[in-house]
Protein backbone atom coordinates (compact mmCIF):
# COMPACT_ATOMS: atom_id res chain seq x y z
CA MET A 1 117.56 98.50 102.01
CA SER A 2 120.53 98.56 99.72
CA ARG A 3 120.31 96.40 96.62
CA TYR A 4 124.07 95.80 96.67
CA LEU A 5 124.14 92.57 98.62
CA VAL A 6 126.55 89.67 99.01
CA PRO A 7 125.49 87.02 96.43
CA VAL A 8 123.82 83.92 97.83
CA SER A 9 122.79 80.65 96.24
CA SER A 10 119.17 79.91 95.30
CA ILE A 11 119.04 77.28 98.05
CA ASP A 12 120.31 79.76 100.65
CA LEU A 13 117.76 82.30 99.42
CA LEU A 14 114.91 79.80 99.71
CA HIS A 15 115.90 78.85 103.26
CA PHE A 16 116.20 82.54 104.17
CA GLN A 17 112.75 83.39 102.79
CA VAL A 18 111.05 80.46 104.53
CA LYS A 19 112.86 80.82 107.84
CA TYR A 20 112.82 84.62 108.15
CA PRO A 21 109.69 85.93 106.36
CA TYR A 22 109.11 88.51 109.11
CA MET A 23 112.71 89.33 109.96
CA ILE A 24 112.24 93.12 109.85
CA ARG A 25 108.75 94.14 110.95
CA SER A 26 109.20 97.82 111.75
CA LEU A 27 111.69 100.65 111.50
CA LEU A 28 111.93 103.71 113.72
CA GLY A 29 114.42 106.25 112.50
CA THR A 30 115.21 109.49 110.70
CA ILE A 31 114.31 110.41 107.13
CA THR A 32 117.56 111.15 105.29
CA GLY A 33 116.41 110.83 101.69
CA LYS A 34 113.40 110.45 99.44
CA THR A 35 112.59 109.34 95.89
CA ASP A 36 109.33 109.18 93.94
CA THR A 37 108.55 105.75 95.40
CA SER A 38 110.63 105.41 98.54
CA VAL A 39 112.23 106.97 101.59
CA ILE A 40 115.55 106.31 103.24
CA VAL A 41 115.22 105.69 106.97
CA THR A 42 118.52 105.95 108.83
CA ILE A 43 118.98 104.09 112.10
CA HIS A 44 122.29 104.18 113.96
CA GLY A 45 124.15 105.17 110.82
CA ILE A 46 122.55 102.57 108.54
CA GLY A 47 120.20 103.82 105.80
CA TYR A 48 117.33 101.55 104.81
CA LEU A 49 115.62 102.19 101.47
CA VAL A 50 111.92 101.53 102.01
CA TYR A 51 109.27 101.51 99.29
CA THR A 52 106.14 103.11 100.70
CA ASN A 53 102.67 104.45 99.95
CA ALA A 54 103.19 107.18 102.56
CA LEU A 55 104.75 109.70 100.17
CA HIS A 56 101.70 111.98 100.42
CA GLN A 57 103.25 112.89 103.76
CA THR A 58 105.50 115.94 103.50
CA TYR A 59 108.69 114.35 104.68
CA VAL A 60 111.83 116.43 104.96
CA PRO A 61 115.31 115.33 106.05
CA GLY A 62 115.47 115.06 109.80
CA ASP A 63 111.86 113.93 110.31
CA GLN A 64 111.33 110.97 112.60
CA VAL A 65 109.18 108.17 111.19
CA GLU A 66 108.01 104.70 112.17
CA LEU A 67 107.10 102.31 109.38
CA TYR A 68 105.65 98.80 109.67
CA THR A 69 107.55 96.70 107.18
CA HIS A 70 107.53 93.64 104.98
CA LEU A 71 110.79 92.15 103.71
CA ALA A 72 110.40 90.85 100.15
CA VAL A 73 113.12 88.39 99.19
CA ARG A 74 114.08 88.18 95.52
CA GLU A 75 116.93 86.36 93.82
CA ASN A 76 119.05 89.48 93.49
CA ALA A 77 117.72 91.79 96.22
CA LEU A 78 116.02 92.19 99.56
CA ASP A 79 113.34 94.89 99.28
CA LEU A 80 111.62 96.58 102.20
CA TYR A 81 108.04 97.85 101.92
CA GLY A 82 106.84 100.11 104.70
CA PHE A 83 103.53 101.54 105.93
CA LEU A 84 102.48 104.08 108.52
CA HIS A 85 99.77 101.80 109.90
CA GLU A 86 99.73 98.09 110.75
CA ARG A 87 96.38 97.78 109.00
CA GLU A 88 98.03 98.79 105.72
CA LEU A 89 100.77 96.20 106.21
CA GLU A 90 98.17 93.50 106.89
CA MET A 91 96.27 94.39 103.71
CA PHE A 92 99.54 94.51 101.74
CA GLU A 93 100.35 90.96 102.80
CA LEU A 94 96.82 89.84 101.95
CA LEU A 95 97.21 91.35 98.49
CA LEU A 96 100.37 89.29 98.01
CA THR A 97 98.15 86.18 98.09
CA VAL A 98 96.23 87.42 95.05
CA PRO A 99 97.35 85.80 91.76
CA LYS A 100 99.48 88.05 89.53
CA ILE A 101 100.00 90.63 92.30
CA GLY A 102 103.55 91.00 93.58
CA PRO A 103 104.98 93.48 96.09
CA LYS A 104 105.21 96.41 93.67
CA SER A 105 101.67 95.87 92.38
CA ALA A 106 100.34 95.49 95.93
CA LEU A 107 102.00 98.76 96.91
CA GLN A 108 100.45 100.51 93.91
CA VAL A 109 97.01 99.22 94.93
CA LEU A 110 97.47 100.73 98.39
CA CYS A 111 98.58 104.01 96.82
CA GLN A 112 95.17 104.15 95.17
CA ALA A 113 92.88 102.56 97.77
CA ASP A 114 93.00 102.41 101.55
CA PRO A 115 92.40 99.12 103.42
CA ASP A 116 88.87 100.12 104.42
CA LEU A 117 87.82 100.63 100.83
CA ILE A 118 89.34 97.31 99.75
CA ALA A 119 87.82 95.44 102.70
CA THR A 120 84.36 96.86 102.03
CA ALA A 121 84.52 96.05 98.31
CA VAL A 122 85.63 92.48 99.08
CA THR A 123 82.96 92.00 101.73
CA LEU A 124 80.25 93.29 99.39
CA GLY A 125 81.69 91.38 96.43
CA ASP A 126 81.66 94.70 94.59
CA ALA A 127 84.65 95.04 92.25
CA GLU A 128 82.97 97.86 90.36
CA HIS A 129 82.89 99.99 93.51
CA LEU A 130 86.60 99.41 94.07
CA HIS A 131 87.35 100.32 90.45
CA THR A 132 85.11 103.41 90.39
CA VAL A 133 86.28 104.96 93.64
CA SER A 134 89.99 104.17 93.47
CA GLY A 135 90.77 104.11 89.77
CA ILE A 136 92.24 100.60 90.04
CA GLY A 137 91.83 98.72 86.75
CA LYS A 138 88.67 96.64 86.35
CA LYS A 139 90.54 93.35 85.92
CA THR A 140 92.75 93.98 88.94
CA ALA A 141 89.78 95.06 91.08
CA SER A 142 87.86 91.94 90.07
CA ASN A 143 90.88 89.76 90.80
CA ILE A 144 91.29 91.29 94.27
CA VAL A 145 87.61 90.96 95.20
CA THR A 146 87.41 87.35 93.98
CA SER A 147 90.71 86.20 95.51
CA LEU A 148 90.21 87.83 98.91
CA ALA A 149 86.61 86.67 99.35
CA GLY A 150 86.34 85.03 102.75
CA LYS A 151 89.72 86.39 103.87
CA VAL A 152 88.38 89.79 104.95
CA SER A 153 85.86 89.82 107.77
CA LEU A 154 82.90 92.17 108.08
CA SER A 155 84.48 93.65 111.20
CA SER A 156 87.50 94.79 109.19
CA ALA A 157 85.43 96.50 106.53
CA ALA A 158 84.70 100.20 106.70
CA PRO A 159 81.31 101.28 108.08
CA MET A 160 78.78 101.74 105.29
CA SER A 161 78.28 105.38 106.25
CA ASP A 162 81.96 106.07 105.65
CA THR A 163 82.41 104.16 102.43
CA PRO A 164 79.38 104.37 100.15
CA ALA A 165 78.37 101.32 98.16
CA THR A 166 78.13 101.32 94.40
CA GLY A 167 75.48 103.72 93.22
CA SER A 168 75.72 106.08 96.20
CA LEU A 169 78.59 107.94 94.57
CA SER A 170 77.10 110.17 91.90
CA SER A 171 78.74 110.61 88.51
CA ALA A 172 79.45 114.21 89.52
CA GLN A 173 81.36 113.02 92.61
CA VAL A 174 83.38 110.53 90.58
CA ASP A 175 84.18 113.21 87.96
CA ALA A 176 85.18 115.67 90.69
CA ILE A 177 87.48 113.15 92.35
CA ASP A 178 89.14 112.36 89.01
CA ALA A 179 89.61 116.06 88.28
CA LEU A 180 91.11 116.75 91.71
CA ILE A 181 93.59 113.90 91.29
CA THR A 182 94.61 115.40 87.96
CA LEU A 183 95.16 118.73 89.71
CA GLY A 184 97.55 117.09 92.17
CA TYR A 185 95.43 115.93 95.12
CA ASP A 186 96.13 112.51 96.64
CA GLN A 187 93.37 110.03 95.72
CA LYS A 188 92.37 109.36 99.31
CA GLU A 189 92.35 113.06 100.16
CA ALA A 190 90.33 113.97 97.06
CA ARG A 191 87.70 111.36 97.84
CA ALA A 192 87.42 112.37 101.49
CA LEU A 193 87.08 116.07 100.63
CA VAL A 194 84.41 115.46 97.99
CA LEU A 195 82.38 113.28 100.36
CA LYS A 196 82.26 116.13 102.88
CA LEU A 197 80.31 118.26 100.41
CA ASP A 198 76.68 118.15 99.33
CA ALA A 199 76.24 115.08 97.12
CA ASN A 200 73.74 116.97 94.96
CA LEU A 201 76.30 119.51 93.74
CA SER A 202 77.61 119.43 90.19
CA ALA A 203 81.14 118.26 89.49
CA LYS A 204 82.22 121.86 88.90
CA ASP A 205 80.75 123.03 92.21
CA LEU A 206 82.32 120.09 94.06
CA ILE A 207 85.74 120.91 92.62
CA GLN A 208 85.37 124.59 93.49
CA GLY A 209 84.22 123.68 96.99
CA VAL A 210 87.27 121.52 97.59
CA LEU A 211 89.60 124.17 96.20
CA ARG A 212 88.12 126.72 98.62
CA GLN A 213 88.29 124.42 101.66
CA ALA A 214 91.64 122.76 101.03
CA PRO A 215 93.59 124.64 98.34
CA LEU A 216 96.73 123.08 96.96
CA ILE A 217 99.87 124.63 98.38
């Protein structure tokens, strides 16, 4: 959404934020622009700038997209944050309850870790797992796991077979994931591809296996 807005008083802003926290909950429109951190979704001639973690998608102008959104109200702007899945939006809004995590930080967390990984780490009380698999800083991971304890149910966590607990990821797997991210793979994609391969392989063999199966274009 455009940052160039009609100025409002602090009192008006407070009333707006309290009364309309969920004013815009989804957008269905056409991609007409893209930056490193956002897309522009045009609907009936109006372009909405939406910050999103969905930029691993290969969007091109003219693509249709539906994003589930959160409207963040600040003193000098109204910012939209959008997600391809409702589950991501729900986790985003949970992250906003964590001390020292605002909308931009919450979005960055979801760029590095999917909701299933976060939910499993919180349920297990395992900040180290969240840090190791996603690359999220240790302090932030610990803050998330501590603050969201009791807010994420076991039913919302990923099955154990899909998201290994701490110790089940070998050092070779972690090294391979880090190397693949450096090469340009998305973190979620790199992790998923490595987990499809034999866990006993060396980091070098894991990297080569991923490059053969899903080469970068």
